[in-house]
Amino acid sequence: MIYLLLLMTMLTGTLIAIIYSIALTSTTRVARVAAVEIPPSASNLSDLPFDENDHLSTHVLAVPAGKCGSLLKPKVDFRDGSHGHKWMTLGGEAFESVFGHLGAYADFSDEKVTDFNKDCLAVCLEKGTLREVVARPLPHRYFVKGKVDQDGDGERVEERNVQQFFLSDSCAKVEYGFVNYHDNPIVMYWINHRGIKVFNQKIGVGERKTTFIDTFISHKFEFYDSQPNEDPLQNELLMSWTIPNHGIIGFKNYEFPKVPVESVERQVHQTLKSEWRRHEVVKRTFSPLAFDKGRLPDDLYASLGAYWYNNRDVPHVVHEEWGRHKGVFVNYWETDVNFIQIPWHLKKRWQRRLREMVEAWTGVELETTDMYGMREYTKGARLLSHVDRESTHAASLIVNIAQQNVSKPWTIEVHDHADRLHEVVMEPGDIVYYESAKALHGRNTPLQSGTYVNLFTHYRPLNDPDWYLRDNPEGTPEPLLDVGECNLVGKPDDYSKGAVQCENSAIGPHLSPSMFTATSADDMFQWWKSVGPADETVEEENDNDEL
């Protein structure tokens, strides 16, 4: 009898296992059937998922509507939602907006489509991209019939299938950074698909110890204090984090040192004397006025803007490391100066494109020397007039990435080759070219409200660190020195609107309505005092050579 009961029990268990297996198989089949359904279609860009601020609310993997949509799933091991990407198909105006610029590659019909990798297009649209430029991602985000053009100029074209495309930095692969202001080094672990903690690295303290890694959207990490126990896993868990996009996070924050109130004016005056001498050392020039205003291409603005938007809040934003050893160029003792560090590989993509723009402006072959930012100025911020490092900062760009709740234009002040002051109004996506080692520049008038985010990038003539000691080569535009009589014809706050008109109209629309021309460091100091806040009291509660 006992044996009979055991046999029945075994048979019952086997039957349950068989039923469970059938159910699981059926569920898997249903999931697979669901996975091959054609993704939702967008016929207009407004059909894409945007948040309340008109930024893309999720990453999107988009393909042309029609046969390409149904052919995608059999070619890949991932599915809708993998690595944070929503699948969509694009038709009508949406297709033309996103793919139309590809020309002949975008001219195909379903009848000619047989193999996704050979016949179809795909694009990865980045979460955080502003609606007005969402249709123009960077070139490497496009899959064009088995090829990916890394820079959009045909020089670095790689052959890839759509799975390789998706798992590359075109889509799912991202860079993520970590800056530590915790009391101790931090130990970082990757959580693998089995839930096992795998040691990644130890993160030191301070901006110079910032580290970036290549990883994938949706990968998970944990961060532990390195003290007091030898085994970090026995210490405090400081943060658990799932990677959402390109980005950076900070642990705690940098604390600004206190500045004695009575020393500020003296330091400012001394600094301006030094900067005035430095600007007179540089002999070579590149342009008539030492500056000009321009605009980012849509794809660069889309990428830069998305990075800022996805990292605009704590814990991504930290204080920039300013202190007495870096001078009084930014009034960090009165207002917060924040910083969002940028990833190295993405930085190279931005630098290359921006360098080409600066080369077109200067007419000179250049090499990249630095990119700095993103710096976020807050209410009350001032940037003292200065020049940049002579050996490396010949021609530069200020890129305005974003402005939030800015009630009054916060002009960039640039002195031309005759030391006349120009005040240039910038909007997000605007750029200002400037000869940054030669032309004094700053923002001496306090920011009245909100936040203002800039990126700075710098170049010099190729292989020539002594460029600033040389005479202008033949063909260099002559500096615009004498422009005849000038008169104020507009309002005192009509910046960048031609408020000052001169006999020579080549002076452009940005001459300061103040009609201020500096002749010495003392003049610069008086200007700084005249445009500052009425009460120069410095609150004590509240360095870097890239300014």
Protein backbone atom coordinates (compact mmCIF):
# COMPACT_ATOMS: atom_id res chain seq x y z
CA MET A 1 0.00 0.00 0.00
CA ILE A 2 2.82 2.37 0.89
CA TYR A 3 4.53 1.71 -2.45
CA LEU A 4 1.26 2.38 -4.24
CA LEU A 5 0.91 5.74 -2.48
CA LEU A 6 4.50 6.68 -3.34
CA LEU A 7 3.90 5.73 -6.97
CA MET A 8 0.75 7.86 -7.10
CA THR A 9 2.59 10.78 -5.54
CA MET A 10 5.40 10.54 -8.09
CA LEU A 11 2.89 10.33 -10.94
CA THR A 12 0.98 13.31 -9.59
CA GLY A 13 4.20 15.36 -9.33
CA THR A 14 5.15 14.41 -12.87
CA LEU A 15 1.70 15.37 -14.10
CA ILE A 16 1.93 18.75 -12.35
CA ALA A 17 5.37 19.32 -13.89
CA ILE A 18 4.01 18.47 -17.34
CA ILE A 19 1.05 20.81 -16.91
CA TYR A 20 3.39 23.60 -15.67
CA SER A 21 5.68 23.00 -18.65
CA ILE A 22 2.77 23.20 -21.09
CA ALA A 23 1.54 26.39 -19.43
CA LEU A 24 5.02 27.92 -19.51
CA THR A 25 5.45 26.99 -23.17
CA SER A 26 2.08 28.49 -24.00
CA THR A 27 2.95 31.67 -22.10
CA THR A 28 6.28 31.90 -23.92
CA ARG A 29 4.52 31.44 -27.24
CA VAL A 30 2.05 34.17 -26.38
CA ALA A 31 4.95 36.47 -25.39
CA ARG A 32 6.73 35.71 -28.65
CA VAL A 33 3.59 36.36 -30.65
CA ALA A 34 3.19 39.65 -28.82
CA ALA A 35 6.85 40.53 -29.44
CA VAL A 36 6.53 40.25 -33.21
CA GLU A 37 3.56 42.58 -33.35
CA ILE A 38 4.34 45.71 -35.33
CA PRO A 39 5.36 48.56 -32.95
CA PRO A 40 3.06 51.58 -32.55
CA SER A 41 3.26 54.01 -35.43
CA ALA A 42 3.84 57.77 -35.46
CA SER A 43 2.73 59.73 -38.50
CA ASN A 44 3.66 63.08 -36.95
CA LEU A 45 6.45 64.04 -34.60
CA SER A 46 3.79 65.03 -32.09
CA ASP A 47 2.94 61.32 -31.80
CA LEU A 48 6.30 60.68 -30.13
CA PRO A 49 6.30 60.48 -26.30
CA PHE A 50 7.13 63.91 -24.87
CA ASP A 51 7.05 65.03 -21.25
CA GLU A 52 5.49 68.18 -19.81
CA ASN A 53 8.60 70.19 -20.78
CA ASP A 54 8.52 69.12 -24.45
CA HIS A 55 11.47 66.77 -24.11
CA LEU A 56 11.40 63.15 -25.24
CA SER A 57 10.26 61.14 -22.21
CA THR A 58 11.94 57.85 -23.18
CA HIS A 59 14.53 56.48 -25.56
CA VAL A 60 12.98 55.45 -28.88
CA LEU A 61 14.13 52.89 -31.43
CA ALA A 62 12.29 53.89 -34.59
CA VAL A 63 12.05 52.19 -38.01
CA PRO A 64 10.03 53.01 -41.13
CA ALA A 65 6.38 52.00 -41.01
CA GLY A 66 5.49 49.00 -43.14
CA LYS A 67 7.52 45.89 -43.78
CA CYS A 68 10.62 47.05 -41.86
CA GLY A 69 8.55 47.13 -38.67
CA SER A 70 7.54 43.49 -39.02
CA LEU A 71 11.04 42.37 -40.03
CA LEU A 72 12.82 43.91 -37.04
CA LYS A 73 12.02 41.35 -34.31
CA PRO A 74 13.29 38.22 -36.14
CA LYS A 75 16.66 39.95 -36.58
CA VAL A 76 17.33 40.73 -32.92
CA ASP A 77 17.49 39.13 -29.49
CA PHE A 78 15.98 42.15 -27.76
CA ARG A 79 12.42 43.45 -27.70
CA ASP A 80 10.32 46.53 -27.06
CA GLY A 81 11.49 48.08 -23.79
CA SER A 82 14.95 46.50 -23.87
CA HIS A 83 17.56 48.85 -22.42
CA GLY A 84 14.90 51.50 -21.92
CA HIS A 85 14.01 51.86 -25.61
CA LYS A 86 10.42 52.07 -26.81
CA TRP A 87 9.94 50.65 -30.30
CA MET A 88 8.03 52.76 -32.83
CA THR A 89 7.49 52.91 -36.57
CA LEU A 90 7.50 56.22 -38.43
CA GLY A 91 5.35 57.10 -41.39
CA GLY A 92 4.18 60.23 -43.20
CA GLU A 93 5.56 63.52 -41.88
CA ALA A 94 7.40 61.79 -39.03
CA PHE A 95 9.29 59.57 -41.49
CA GLU A 96 10.18 62.52 -43.72
CA SER A 97 11.34 64.62 -40.77
CA VAL A 98 13.58 61.94 -39.29
CA PHE A 99 14.80 60.03 -42.36
CA GLY A 100 14.18 62.42 -45.27
CA HIS A 101 17.62 64.04 -45.12
CA LEU A 102 19.19 60.67 -45.99
CA GLY A 103 18.16 61.29 -49.58
CA ALA A 104 18.21 58.23 -51.82
CA TYR A 105 18.59 55.91 -48.82
CA ALA A 106 15.17 57.01 -47.61
CA ASP A 107 13.57 56.33 -51.00
CA PHE A 108 12.39 52.74 -50.89
CA SER A 109 9.16 50.75 -51.03
CA ASP A 110 7.96 47.68 -49.13
CA GLU A 111 8.06 45.64 -52.36
CA LYS A 112 11.84 45.94 -52.38
CA VAL A 113 12.29 45.09 -48.70
CA THR A 114 13.29 41.49 -48.00
CA ASP A 115 16.04 41.70 -45.36
CA PHE A 116 16.06 44.24 -42.54
CA ASN A 117 19.85 44.47 -42.36
CA LYS A 118 20.20 45.11 -46.09
CA ASP A 119 17.08 47.08 -46.92
CA CYS A 120 15.85 48.98 -43.84
CA LEU A 121 16.59 52.07 -41.79
CA ALA A 122 16.56 52.59 -38.04
CA VAL A 123 17.30 55.43 -35.65
CA CYS A 124 17.71 55.77 -31.91
CA LEU A 125 16.18 58.97 -30.53
CA GLU A 126 17.64 59.98 -27.18
CA LYS A 127 15.54 60.51 -24.09
CA GLY A 128 15.60 64.17 -23.05
CA THR A 129 15.84 65.57 -26.58
CA LEU A 130 13.95 68.82 -27.10
CA ARG A 131 10.90 68.54 -29.38
CA GLU A 132 12.13 71.18 -31.81
CA VAL A 133 15.26 69.16 -32.68
CA VAL A 134 14.07 65.61 -31.99
CA ALA A 135 14.12 64.77 -35.71
CA ARG A 136 17.83 65.35 -36.02
CA PRO A 137 19.99 63.10 -33.80
CA LEU A 138 23.74 62.80 -34.31
CA PRO A 139 24.79 60.79 -37.41
CA HIS A 140 26.01 57.73 -35.50
CA ARG A 141 22.47 57.19 -34.22
CA TYR A 142 21.28 56.17 -37.69
CA PHE A 143 21.31 52.62 -39.09
CA VAL A 144 21.27 52.88 -42.88
CA LYS A 145 20.86 49.53 -44.62
CA GLY A 146 23.64 47.78 -42.71
CA LYS A 147 25.92 50.79 -42.25
CA VAL A 148 26.58 53.39 -39.57
CA ASP A 149 28.31 56.66 -40.48
CA GLN A 150 30.06 57.65 -37.25
CA ASP A 151 30.54 61.34 -38.09
CA GLY A 152 28.15 61.99 -40.95
CA ASP A 153 30.90 62.80 -43.43
CA GLY A 154 31.43 59.38 -44.98
CA GLU A 155 34.95 59.00 -43.57
CA ARG A 156 34.19 56.50 -40.78
CA VAL A 157 31.47 54.21 -42.06
CA GLU A 158 31.11 50.88 -40.27
CA GLU A 159 29.17 47.83 -41.41
CA ARG A 160 26.83 46.52 -38.71
CA ASN A 161 23.68 44.47 -38.40
CA VAL A 162 20.79 46.00 -36.49
CA GLN A 163 21.58 44.06 -33.30
CA GLN A 164 25.16 45.35 -33.28
CA PHE A 165 23.80 48.83 -33.99
CA PHE A 166 21.39 48.69 -31.05
CA LEU A 167 23.99 47.38 -28.59
CA SER A 168 26.53 50.06 -29.56
CA ASP A 169 26.78 53.69 -28.43
CA SER A 170 24.29 54.46 -31.19
CA CYS A 171 21.56 53.29 -28.79
CA ALA A 172 21.91 51.17 -25.65
CA LYS A 173 25.59 51.63 -24.78
CA VAL A 174 26.30 54.77 -22.77
CA GLU A 175 28.97 56.45 -20.66
CA TYR A 176 28.31 57.13 -17.02
CA GLY A 177 30.44 59.06 -14.58
CA PHE A 178 30.90 59.26 -10.83
CA VAL A 179 32.30 62.12 -8.75
CA ASN A 180 32.80 61.59 -5.04
CA TYR A 181 32.69 64.20 -2.27
CA HIS A 182 31.91 61.64 0.40
CA ASP A 183 34.24 61.48 3.41
CA ASN A 184 35.98 58.35 2.09
CA PRO A 185 36.63 56.57 -1.20
CA ILE A 186 33.59 54.66 -2.44
CA VAL A 187 33.55 51.06 -3.70
CA MET A 188 31.38 50.33 -6.71
CA TYR A 189 29.79 47.02 -7.69
CA TRP A 190 27.93 45.97 -10.83
CA ILE A 191 24.86 43.80 -10.21
CA ASN A 192 24.84 41.13 -12.92
CA HIS A 193 21.76 39.40 -14.35
CA ARG A 194 21.94 36.78 -11.58
CA GLY A 195 21.94 39.42 -8.87
CA ILE A 196 25.60 38.82 -7.99
CA LYS A 197 27.65 41.85 -6.95
CA VAL A 198 30.73 42.16 -9.14
CA PHE A 199 33.49 44.58 -8.04
CA ASN A 200 33.95 47.41 -10.53
CA GLN A 201 36.26 50.02 -9.00
CA LYS A 202 37.11 52.26 -6.06
CA ILE A 203 36.23 55.94 -6.59
CA GLY A 204 38.56 58.47 -4.98
CA VAL A 205 37.54 61.83 -3.52
CA GLY A 206 37.36 65.06 -5.55
CA GLU A 207 36.79 66.28 -9.10
CA ARG A 208 40.17 65.06 -10.29
CA LYS A 209 39.21 61.51 -9.29
CA THR A 210 36.05 61.57 -11.41
CA THR A 211 35.69 58.38 -13.39
CA PHE A 212 33.55 57.36 -16.38
CA ILE A 213 32.69 53.84 -17.50
CA ASP A 214 31.12 52.31 -20.59
CA THR A 215 27.93 50.51 -19.63
CA PHE A 216 24.37 49.89 -20.84
CA ILE A 217 21.06 51.53 -20.10
CA SER A 218 19.24 49.55 -17.36
CA HIS A 219 22.44 48.10 -15.84
CA LYS A 220 22.43 48.28 -12.05
CA PHE A 221 25.18 49.30 -9.63
CA GLU A 222 25.61 49.62 -5.88
CA PHE A 223 28.00 51.92 -4.02
CA TYR A 224 29.43 51.24 -0.58
CA ASP A 225 31.52 53.24 1.84
CA SER A 226 35.11 51.95 1.96
CA GLN A 227 35.23 52.44 5.74
CA PRO A 228 35.36 51.20 8.45
CA ASN A 229 35.41 47.53 7.49
CA GLU A 230 37.92 45.98 5.11
CA ASP A 231 35.08 44.26 3.25
CA PRO A 232 33.06 47.12 1.66
CA LEU A 233 29.92 44.98 1.59
CA GLN A 234 29.96 45.12 5.38
CA ASN A 235 29.87 48.93 5.25
CA GLU A 236 27.05 51.39 4.57
CA LEU A 237 25.26 51.12 1.21
CA LEU A 238 25.38 54.70 -0.04
CA MET A 239 23.39 54.34 -3.24
CA SER A 240 21.76 51.89 -5.63
CA TRP A 241 21.55 53.15 -9.19
CA THR A 242 20.09 51.97 -12.49
CA ILE A 243 21.69 53.56 -15.56
CA PRO A 244 19.09 55.66 -17.44
CA ASN A 245 21.17 57.39 -20.15
CA HIS A 246 24.53 59.11 -20.67
CA GLY A 247 25.22 60.87 -17.41
CA ILE A 248 26.98 61.40 -14.13
CA ILE A 249 26.10 61.27 -10.45
CA GLY A 250 27.75 62.93 -7.47
CA PHE A 251 28.06 61.68 -3.91
CA LYS A 252 27.50 64.51 -1.42
CA ASN A 253 28.85 67.88 -2.58
CA TYR A 254 31.88 70.13 -2.71
CA GLU A 255 31.87 72.87 -0.06
CA PHE A 256 32.99 76.34 -1.13
CA PRO A 257 35.58 77.93 1.16
CA LYS A 258 34.80 81.19 2.92
CA VAL A 259 36.16 84.44 1.51
CA PRO A 260 36.96 87.48 3.72
CA VAL A 261 34.62 90.28 2.63
CA GLU A 262 37.26 92.98 2.92
CA SER A 263 39.62 91.23 0.48
CA VAL A 264 37.31 90.91 -2.52
CA GLU A 265 37.74 94.34 -4.13
CA ARG A 266 41.49 94.25 -3.72
CA GLN A 267 41.71 90.80 -5.33
CA VAL A 268 39.45 91.85 -8.19
CA HIS A 269 41.55 94.95 -8.90
CA GLN A 270 44.79 92.97 -8.85
CA THR A 271 43.31 90.29 -11.06
CA LEU A 272 42.14 92.81 -13.66
CA LYS A 273 45.62 94.36 -13.79
CA SER A 274 47.06 90.92 -14.55
CA GLU A 275 44.42 90.14 -17.17
CA TRP A 276 44.93 93.50 -18.90
CA ARG A 277 48.66 92.84 -19.21
CA ARG A 278 48.03 89.33 -20.55
CA HIS A 279 45.62 90.48 -23.25
CA GLU A 280 48.25 92.92 -24.56
CA VAL A 281 50.84 90.13 -25.00
CA VAL A 282 48.95 88.28 -27.74
CA LYS A 283 50.01 89.47 -31.21
CA ARG A 284 48.14 87.21 -33.59
CA THR A 285 44.48 87.77 -34.42
CA PHE A 286 41.96 85.79 -36.47
CA SER A 287 38.96 88.03 -37.12
CA PRO A 288 37.99 91.70 -37.47
CA LEU A 289 36.24 92.01 -34.10
CA ALA A 290 37.76 89.11 -32.09
CA PHE A 291 34.31 87.52 -31.78
CA ASP A 292 31.16 86.58 -33.67
CA LYS A 293 27.81 85.00 -32.93
CA GLY A 294 26.48 81.79 -34.46
CA ARG A 295 24.14 78.86 -33.96
CA LEU A 296 24.61 75.15 -33.25
CA PRO A 297 23.53 72.67 -35.92
CA ASP A 298 20.32 70.94 -34.83
CA ASP A 299 21.94 67.55 -34.22
CA LEU A 300 24.60 68.99 -31.91
CA TYR A 301 22.01 71.04 -30.04
CA ALA A 302 19.86 67.90 -29.71
CA SER A 303 22.73 65.88 -28.19
CA LEU A 304 24.09 68.61 -25.89
CA GLY A 305 20.61 69.62 -24.77
CA ALA A 306 19.57 66.05 -24.01
CA TYR A 307 22.68 65.46 -21.90
CA TRP A 308 21.97 68.57 -19.87
CA TYR A 309 18.26 67.81 -19.48
CA ASN A 310 18.88 64.25 -18.30
CA ASN A 311 21.42 65.49 -15.74
CA ARG A 312 20.01 68.84 -14.69
CA ASP A 313 19.14 67.99 -11.10
CA VAL A 314 20.75 66.50 -8.00
CA PRO A 315 22.53 64.06 -7.75
CA HIS A 316 23.96 64.83 -11.20
CA VAL A 317 24.74 68.49 -10.49
CA VAL A 318 27.46 69.32 -7.96
CA HIS A 319 29.31 72.48 -6.99
CA GLU A 320 32.22 73.39 -9.23
CA GLU A 321 35.52 73.28 -7.36
CA TRP A 322 36.32 76.94 -6.78
CA GLY A 323 38.56 78.29 -4.03
CA ARG A 324 41.21 80.87 -3.23
CA HIS A 325 43.85 79.08 -5.27
CA LYS A 326 41.74 79.70 -8.38
CA GLY A 327 41.05 83.36 -7.82
CA VAL A 328 37.94 85.53 -7.87
CA PHE A 329 36.89 85.08 -11.48
CA VAL A 330 33.54 83.58 -10.43
CA ASN A 331 31.81 84.92 -7.30
CA TYR A 332 31.39 81.51 -5.69
CA TRP A 333 31.34 83.12 -2.21
CA GLU A 334 28.04 84.86 -3.06
CA THR A 335 26.20 82.33 -5.20
CA ASP A 336 26.39 78.66 -6.12
CA VAL A 337 28.37 77.78 -9.23
CA ASN A 338 27.38 74.28 -10.32
CA PHE A 339 28.94 71.72 -12.59
CA ILE A 340 27.80 68.80 -14.73
CA GLN A 341 30.82 66.87 -15.98
CA ILE A 342 30.64 65.45 -19.49
CA PRO A 343 31.66 61.96 -20.68
CA TRP A 344 34.91 61.50 -22.55
CA HIS A 345 33.81 59.69 -25.71
CA LEU A 346 30.75 61.83 -26.24
CA LYS A 347 32.94 64.88 -25.64
CA LYS A 348 35.16 63.83 -28.57
CA ARG A 349 32.14 63.70 -30.87
CA TRP A 350 31.09 67.18 -29.82
CA GLN A 351 34.65 68.55 -30.02
CA ARG A 352 35.22 67.32 -33.54
CA ARG A 353 32.12 68.95 -34.91
CA LEU A 354 32.63 72.19 -33.01
CA ARG A 355 36.28 72.36 -34.12
CA GLU A 356 35.16 72.28 -37.75
CA MET A 357 32.92 75.28 -37.08
CA VAL A 358 35.72 77.24 -35.41
CA GLU A 359 38.08 76.36 -38.28
CA ALA A 360 35.56 77.81 -40.71
CA TRP A 361 35.43 81.00 -38.63
CA THR A 362 39.20 81.44 -38.27
CA GLY A 363 40.21 80.04 -41.66
CA VAL A 364 42.96 78.10 -39.86
CA GLU A 365 43.52 74.38 -39.26
CA LEU A 366 43.13 73.86 -35.52
CA GLU A 367 43.65 71.26 -32.85
CA THR A 368 41.44 70.72 -29.82
CA THR A 369 43.02 71.68 -26.51
CA ASP A 370 40.14 71.57 -24.06
CA MET A 371 36.41 71.32 -23.50
CA TYR A 372 35.07 72.45 -20.15
CA GLY A 373 31.64 72.31 -18.54
CA MET A 374 28.80 72.17 -18.29
CA ARG A 375 28.81 75.09 -15.85
CA GLU A 376 25.54 76.21 -14.32
CA TYR A 377 25.39 79.79 -13.06
CA THR A 378 22.70 80.71 -10.54
CA LYS A 379 21.00 83.93 -9.48
CA GLY A 380 23.55 86.62 -8.62
CA ALA A 381 26.40 85.02 -10.58
CA ARG A 382 29.14 87.23 -12.01
CA LEU A 383 32.12 86.32 -14.18
CA LEU A 384 35.04 88.74 -13.96
CA SER A 385 36.54 89.90 -17.26
CA HIS A 386 39.59 87.86 -18.14
CA VAL A 387 41.54 86.19 -20.93
CA ASP A 388 42.33 82.49 -21.24
CA ARG A 389 45.56 80.52 -21.33
CA GLU A 390 47.75 81.81 -24.17
CA SER A 391 49.37 78.57 -25.33
CA THR A 392 46.15 76.61 -25.70
CA HIS A 393 43.16 78.94 -26.01
CA ALA A 394 43.56 80.74 -29.33
CA ALA A 395 40.04 80.41 -30.67
CA SER A 396 37.13 79.26 -28.55
CA LEU A 397 33.39 78.81 -28.31
CA ILE A 398 30.87 79.63 -25.65
CA VAL A 399 27.86 77.34 -26.12
CA ASN A 400 24.66 78.25 -24.31
CA ILE A 401 23.01 74.93 -23.47
CA ALA A 402 20.03 76.00 -21.40
CA GLN A 403 18.38 78.83 -19.49
CA GLN A 404 15.73 78.35 -16.83
CA ASN A 405 13.61 81.21 -15.45
CA VAL A 406 15.98 83.87 -16.75
CA SER A 407 13.92 87.08 -16.65
CA LYS A 408 16.46 89.48 -18.18
CA PRO A 409 19.14 88.85 -20.85
CA TRP A 410 22.49 88.02 -19.24
CA THR A 411 24.94 89.26 -21.84
CA ILE A 412 28.39 87.92 -22.55
CA GLU A 413 30.71 90.94 -22.49
CA VAL A 414 33.50 90.85 -25.10
CA HIS A 415 36.03 93.59 -25.83
CA ASP A 416 37.08 93.84 -29.46
CA HIS A 417 40.54 94.61 -30.86
CA ALA A 418 40.04 98.31 -30.01
CA ASP A 419 38.84 97.38 -26.49
CA ARG A 420 35.28 98.53 -27.21
CA LEU A 421 32.72 96.62 -25.16
CA HIS A 422 30.16 94.44 -26.93
CA GLU A 423 27.29 92.83 -25.03
CA VAL A 424 25.93 89.75 -26.78
CA VAL A 425 22.57 88.18 -25.96
CA MET A 426 22.50 84.39 -26.24
CA GLU A 427 19.60 81.94 -26.39
CA PRO A 428 19.86 78.17 -25.85
CA GLY A 429 21.62 76.70 -28.88
CA ASP A 430 23.49 79.93 -29.64
CA ILE A 431 27.28 80.04 -29.79
CA VAL A 432 29.81 82.85 -29.55
CA TYR A 433 33.15 82.46 -31.31
CA TYR A 434 35.87 84.46 -29.59
CA GLU A 435 39.64 84.88 -29.51
CA SER A 436 39.78 83.92 -25.87
CA ALA A 437 43.47 84.59 -25.10
CA LYS A 438 43.30 88.02 -26.75
CA ALA A 439 39.80 89.43 -26.16
CA LEU A 440 38.83 90.30 -22.61
CA HIS A 441 35.49 88.64 -21.84
CA GLY A 442 33.22 88.13 -18.86
CA ARG A 443 29.73 88.64 -17.40
CA ASN A 444 30.17 91.39 -14.84
CA THR A 445 26.48 92.24 -14.51
CA PRO A 446 24.86 89.81 -12.05
CA LEU A 447 22.44 87.19 -13.35
CA GLN A 448 19.07 88.54 -12.21
CA SER A 449 17.20 85.25 -11.87
CA GLY A 450 17.14 81.56 -12.74
CA THR A 451 19.98 79.41 -14.01
CA TYR A 452 22.20 79.72 -17.08
CA VAL A 453 24.16 76.74 -18.43
CA ASN A 454 27.23 77.03 -20.68
CA LEU A 455 29.83 74.78 -22.26
CA PHE A 456 33.29 76.04 -23.29
CA THR A 457 35.56 74.54 -25.92
CA HIS A 458 39.03 75.69 -26.95
CA TYR A 459 41.42 75.32 -29.91
CA ARG A 460 44.77 76.55 -31.21
CA PRO A 461 46.59 76.44 -34.57
CA LEU A 462 47.76 72.91 -35.28
CA ASN A 463 51.05 72.01 -33.52
CA ASP A 464 51.79 75.62 -32.57
CA PRO A 465 51.77 76.40 -28.83
CA ASP A 466 53.61 79.69 -29.54
CA TRP A 467 50.95 80.94 -31.98
CA TYR A 468 50.28 84.05 -29.83
CA LEU A 469 53.84 85.38 -30.33
CA ARG A 470 53.60 85.36 -34.13
CA ASP A 471 52.56 88.05 -36.57
CA ASN A 472 49.42 87.50 -38.58
CA PRO A 473 50.01 85.37 -41.68
CA GLU A 474 49.07 86.77 -45.08
CA GLY A 475 45.34 86.73 -45.69
CA THR A 476 44.31 87.29 -42.06
CA PRO A 477 41.37 89.73 -41.80
CA GLU A 478 42.47 93.14 -40.58
CA PRO A 479 41.33 94.04 -37.04
CA LEU A 480 38.50 96.57 -37.15
CA LEU A 481 39.93 99.51 -35.20
CA ASP A 482 38.50 102.80 -36.52
CA VAL A 483 34.75 102.73 -37.13
CA GLY A 484 34.19 106.49 -37.21
CA GLU A 485 31.67 108.33 -35.05
CA CYS A 486 29.22 106.21 -33.05
CA ASN A 487 25.88 107.26 -31.54
CA LEU A 488 23.32 105.66 -29.24
CA VAL A 489 20.07 105.34 -31.22
CA GLY A 490 18.33 102.69 -29.11
CA LYS A 491 17.46 102.12 -25.49
CA PRO A 492 20.09 101.52 -22.79
CA ASP A 493 18.98 97.89 -22.47
CA ASP A 494 18.66 97.13 -26.21
CA TYR A 495 21.40 94.53 -26.27
CA SER A 496 22.31 92.86 -29.58
CA LYS A 497 19.79 95.06 -31.38
CA GLY A 498 22.05 97.66 -32.96
CA ALA A 499 21.40 100.25 -30.24
CA VAL A 500 24.71 101.89 -31.17
CA GLN A 501 25.28 102.84 -34.79
CA CYS A 502 28.67 103.81 -36.18
CA GLU A 503 29.81 105.26 -39.48
CA ASN A 504 31.30 101.86 -40.30
CA SER A 505 28.43 99.36 -40.04
CA ALA A 506 30.90 96.46 -39.91
CA ILE A 507 30.96 97.00 -36.15
CA GLY A 508 27.76 94.93 -36.03
CA PRO A 509 24.72 94.97 -33.69
CA HIS A 510 26.34 94.08 -30.37
CA LEU A 511 28.13 97.28 -29.29
CA SER A 512 27.21 97.96 -25.67
CA PRO A 513 24.61 100.71 -25.25
CA SER A 514 26.94 101.99 -22.53
CA MET A 515 29.46 102.77 -25.30
CA PHE A 516 32.19 101.77 -22.85
CA THR A 517 35.75 101.47 -24.17
CA ALA A 518 38.46 100.33 -21.77
CA THR A 519 41.88 101.95 -21.83
CA SER A 520 43.34 100.37 -18.70
CA ALA A 521 42.79 97.86 -15.93
CA ASP A 522 41.49 100.71 -13.78
CA ASP A 523 38.73 101.28 -16.34
CA MET A 524 37.84 97.60 -16.16
CA PHE A 525 37.70 97.79 -12.36
CA GLN A 526 35.39 100.80 -12.43
CA TRP A 527 33.15 98.97 -14.90
CA TRP A 528 32.98 95.95 -12.58
CA LYS A 529 31.96 98.19 -9.68
CA SER A 530 29.42 100.20 -11.69
CA VAL A 531 27.42 97.19 -12.93
CA GLY A 532 27.56 95.22 -9.69
CA PRO A 533 24.78 94.94 -7.13
CA ALA A 534 24.03 98.09 -5.16
CA ASP A 535 24.94 96.34 -1.92
CA GLU A 536 28.36 94.71 -2.27
CA THR A 537 28.01 92.85 1.06
CA VAL A 538 29.48 89.40 0.65
CA GLU A 539 27.88 86.48 2.46
CA GLU A 540 30.54 84.25 3.89
CA GLU A 541 28.54 81.05 3.97
CA ASN A 542 28.45 80.92 0.72
CA ASP A 543 39.43 77.49 -8.41
CA ASN A 544 39.85 76.61 -12.34
CA ASP A 545 41.69 78.09 -15.27
CA GLU A 546 38.79 77.46 -17.68
CA LEU A 547 36.52 80.48 -17.29
